[in-house]
Amino acid sequence: MNRETIEKAARDYVMPNENIRPLMESIVAKEGFIAGADWRINSVWHEANDKPEFCGKKGIWIVMYFEHGMLSATFVRNDEWDELRKRNNFAKWAYQTDILPDRKEADQ
């Protein structure tokens, strides 16, 4: 997803119609939509030095983001974190569950 895709989705979302919604309200809605999409994309990524919360689990799946744009997913245990960080030198990481699509439709 890139900025152009987000802006198109925002335009489709607000669909300004002078009979229903004043122009100013549609502009505010569009900007709010874009800000929300940007926040969601960026909020899942943690700094490389931030250690994940394992919450009693034996291990977790994370996605590592490297400066050159590559991604790599791996399963890591709490006692392996420091070695993984040193060995891989990634820039950011995310919990795999945070970047997977919302699966609500699977429940229906």
C-alpha atoms as a PDB file:
ATOM      1  CA  MET A   1       0.000   0.000   0.000  1.00  0.00           C
ATOM      2  CA  ASN A   2       1.359   3.399  -0.924  1.00  0.00           C
ATOM      3  CA  ARG A   3       0.238   7.012  -0.498  1.00  0.00           C
ATOM      4  CA  GLU A   4      -1.619   7.022  -3.838  1.00  0.00           C
ATOM      5  CA  THR A   5      -3.638   3.929  -2.842  1.00  0.00           C
ATOM      6  CA  ILE A   6      -4.522   5.487   0.519  1.00  0.00           C
ATOM      7  CA  GLU A   7      -5.616   8.763  -1.111  1.00  0.00           C
ATOM      8  CA  LYS A   8      -7.797   6.909  -3.640  1.00  0.00           C
ATOM      9  CA  ALA A   9      -9.402   4.920  -0.824  1.00  0.00           C
ATOM     10  CA  ALA A  10      -9.999   8.163   1.083  1.00  0.00           C
ATOM     11  CA  ARG A  11     -11.683   9.759  -1.955  1.00  0.00           C
ATOM     12  CA  ASP A  12     -13.853   6.670  -2.426  1.00  0.00           C
ATOM     13  CA  TYR A  13     -14.692   6.708   1.299  1.00  0.00           C
ATOM     14  CA  VAL A  14     -15.917  10.299   1.483  1.00  0.00           C
ATOM     15  CA  MET A  15     -17.612  10.505  -1.964  1.00  0.00           C
ATOM     16  CA  PRO A  16     -18.486  14.203  -1.637  1.00  0.00           C
ATOM     17  CA  ASN A  17     -22.094  14.974  -2.514  1.00  0.00           C
ATOM     18  CA  GLU A  18     -23.200  18.557  -1.924  1.00  0.00           C
ATOM     19  CA  ASN A  19     -26.754  17.384  -1.191  1.00  0.00           C
ATOM     20  CA  ILE A  20     -25.600  15.084   1.628  1.00  0.00           C
ATOM     21  CA  ARG A  21     -22.292  16.346   2.957  1.00  0.00           C
ATOM     22  CA  PRO A  22     -20.813  19.853   2.743  1.00  0.00           C
ATOM     23  CA  LEU A  23     -17.470  20.135   0.969  1.00  0.00           C
ATOM     24  CA  MET A  24     -15.559  21.072   4.151  1.00  0.00           C
ATOM     25  CA  GLU A  25     -16.841  17.994   5.955  1.00  0.00           C
ATOM     26  CA  SER A  26     -15.717  15.747   3.088  1.00  0.00           C
ATOM     27  CA  ILE A  27     -12.234  17.335   3.104  1.00  0.00           C
ATOM     28  CA  VAL A  28     -11.916  16.759   6.865  1.00  0.00           C
ATOM     29  CA  ALA A  29     -13.139  13.161   6.466  1.00  0.00           C
ATOM     30  CA  LYS A  30     -10.622  12.541   3.653  1.00  0.00           C
ATOM     31  CA  GLU A  31      -7.703  13.918   5.686  1.00  0.00           C
ATOM     32  CA  GLY A  32      -8.820  11.930   8.727  1.00  0.00           C
ATOM     33  CA  PHE A  33      -9.017   8.751   6.664  1.00  0.00           C
ATOM     34  CA  ILE A  34      -5.493   9.294   5.299  1.00  0.00           C
ATOM     35  CA  ALA A  35      -4.100  10.083   8.763  1.00  0.00           C
ATOM     36  CA  GLY A  36      -5.753   6.943  10.160  1.00  0.00           C
ATOM     37  CA  ALA A  37      -4.362   4.749   7.379  1.00  0.00           C
ATOM     38  CA  ASP A  38      -0.866   6.186   7.840  1.00  0.00           C
ATOM     39  CA  TRP A  39      -1.092   5.656  11.600  1.00  0.00           C
ATOM     40  CA  ARG A  40      -2.201   2.036  11.181  1.00  0.00           C
ATOM     41  CA  ILE A  41       0.617   1.229   8.764  1.00  0.00           C
ATOM     42  CA  ASN A  42       3.306   2.814  10.926  1.00  0.00           C
ATOM     43  CA  SER A  43       1.990   1.867  14.385  1.00  0.00           C
ATOM     44  CA  VAL A  44       2.786  -1.845  14.079  1.00  0.00           C
ATOM     45  CA  TRP A  45       6.538  -1.337  13.622  1.00  0.00           C
ATOM     46  CA  HIS A  46       8.839  -1.326  16.656  1.00  0.00           C
ATOM     47  CA  GLU A  47      12.375  -0.003  16.871  1.00  0.00           C
ATOM     48  CA  ALA A  48      15.030  -2.712  16.585  1.00  0.00           C
ATOM     49  CA  ASN A  49      16.154  -2.208  20.192  1.00  0.00           C
ATOM     50  CA  ASP A  50      12.623  -2.678  21.580  1.00  0.00           C
ATOM     51  CA  LYS A  51      12.329  -6.212  22.906  1.00  0.00           C
ATOM     52  CA  PRO A  52       9.036  -7.998  22.150  1.00  0.00           C
ATOM     53  CA  GLU A  53       6.634  -8.965  24.935  1.00  0.00           C
ATOM     54  CA  PHE A  54       6.529 -12.734  25.026  1.00  0.00           C
ATOM     55  CA  CYS A  55       3.683 -12.786  27.609  1.00  0.00           C
ATOM     56  CA  GLY A  56       4.514 -16.248  28.889  1.00  0.00           C
ATOM     57  CA  LYS A  57       4.689 -17.737  25.402  1.00  0.00           C
ATOM     58  CA  LYS A  58       7.604 -19.967  24.500  1.00  0.00           C
ATOM     59  CA  GLY A  59       8.145 -17.903  21.373  1.00  0.00           C
ATOM     60  CA  ILE A  60       6.498 -15.587  18.859  1.00  0.00           C
ATOM     61  CA  TRP A  61       6.535 -14.896  15.135  1.00  0.00           C
ATOM     62  CA  ILE A  62       7.954 -11.524  14.134  1.00  0.00           C
ATOM     63  CA  VAL A  63       8.625  -9.818  10.818  1.00  0.00           C
ATOM     64  CA  MET A  64      11.965  -8.052  10.529  1.00  0.00           C
ATOM     65  CA  TYR A  65      12.338  -4.986   8.274  1.00  0.00           C
ATOM     66  CA  PHE A  66      15.794  -4.252   6.890  1.00  0.00           C
ATOM     67  CA  GLU A  67      17.053  -0.817   5.740  1.00  0.00           C
ATOM     68  CA  HIS A  68      17.271  -1.958   2.100  1.00  0.00           C
ATOM     69  CA  GLY A  69      13.534  -2.755   2.126  1.00  0.00           C
ATOM     70  CA  MET A  70      13.610  -6.520   2.580  1.00  0.00           C
ATOM     71  CA  LEU A  71      11.351  -8.326   5.043  1.00  0.00           C
ATOM     72  CA  SER A  72      11.938 -11.621   6.785  1.00  0.00           C
ATOM     73  CA  ALA A  73       9.681 -13.556   9.162  1.00  0.00           C
ATOM     74  CA  THR A  74      11.058 -15.725  11.944  1.00  0.00           C
ATOM     75  CA  PHE A  75       9.981 -17.505  15.100  1.00  0.00           C
ATOM     76  CA  VAL A  76      11.976 -16.308  18.109  1.00  0.00           C
ATOM     77  CA  ARG A  77      12.107 -17.375  21.738  1.00  0.00           C
ATOM     78  CA  ASN A  78      12.743 -14.995  24.604  1.00  0.00           C
ATOM     79  CA  ASP A  79      16.202 -16.439  25.256  1.00  0.00           C
ATOM     80  CA  GLU A  80      17.145 -16.036  21.563  1.00  0.00           C
ATOM     81  CA  TRP A  81      16.204 -12.362  21.141  1.00  0.00           C
ATOM     82  CA  ASP A  82      19.582 -10.762  21.835  1.00  0.00           C
ATOM     83  CA  GLU A  83      21.397 -13.154  19.491  1.00  0.00           C
ATOM     84  CA  LEU A  84      18.760 -12.703  16.758  1.00  0.00           C
ATOM     85  CA  ARG A  85      19.127  -8.908  16.997  1.00  0.00           C
ATOM     86  CA  LYS A  86      22.938  -9.041  16.745  1.00  0.00           C
ATOM     87  CA  ARG A  87      22.976 -11.620  13.960  1.00  0.00           C
ATOM     88  CA  ASN A  88      20.344  -9.987  11.709  1.00  0.00           C
ATOM     89  CA  ASN A  89      20.878  -6.242  12.232  1.00  0.00           C
ATOM     90  CA  PHE A  90      17.319  -5.321  11.224  1.00  0.00           C
ATOM     91  CA  ALA A  91      16.008  -1.754  11.412  1.00  0.00           C
ATOM     92  CA  LYS A  92      12.493  -2.437  12.721  1.00  0.00           C
ATOM     93  CA  TRP A  93      10.302  -5.383  13.595  1.00  0.00           C
ATOM     94  CA  ALA A  94       6.567  -6.133  13.936  1.00  0.00           C
ATOM     95  CA  TYR A  95       4.525  -8.879  15.515  1.00  0.00           C
ATOM     96  CA  GLN A  96       3.379 -11.044  12.622  1.00  0.00           C
ATOM     97  CA  THR A  97      -0.196 -10.996  13.945  1.00  0.00           C
ATOM     98  CA  ASP A  98      -0.217  -7.169  13.739  1.00  0.00           C
ATOM     99  CA  ILE A  99       0.400  -7.104   9.992  1.00  0.00           C
ATOM    100  CA  LEU A 100      -1.869  -9.966   8.939  1.00  0.00           C
ATOM    101  CA  PRO A 101      -5.264  -9.059   7.425  1.00  0.00           C
ATOM    102  CA  ASP A 102      -8.240  -8.785   9.720  1.00  0.00           C
ATOM    103  CA  ARG A 103      -9.888 -12.221   9.663  1.00  0.00           C
ATOM    104  CA  LYS A 104     -13.395 -11.190  10.812  1.00  0.00           C
ATOM    105  CA  GLU A 105     -14.914 -12.454   7.552  1.00  0.00           C
ATOM    106  CA  ALA A 106     -13.641 -15.977   8.394  1.00  0.00           C
ATOM    107  CA  ASP A 107     -15.839 -15.986  11.515  1.00  0.00           C
ATOM    108  CA  GLN A 108     -19.055 -15.375   9.565  1.00  0.00           C
END
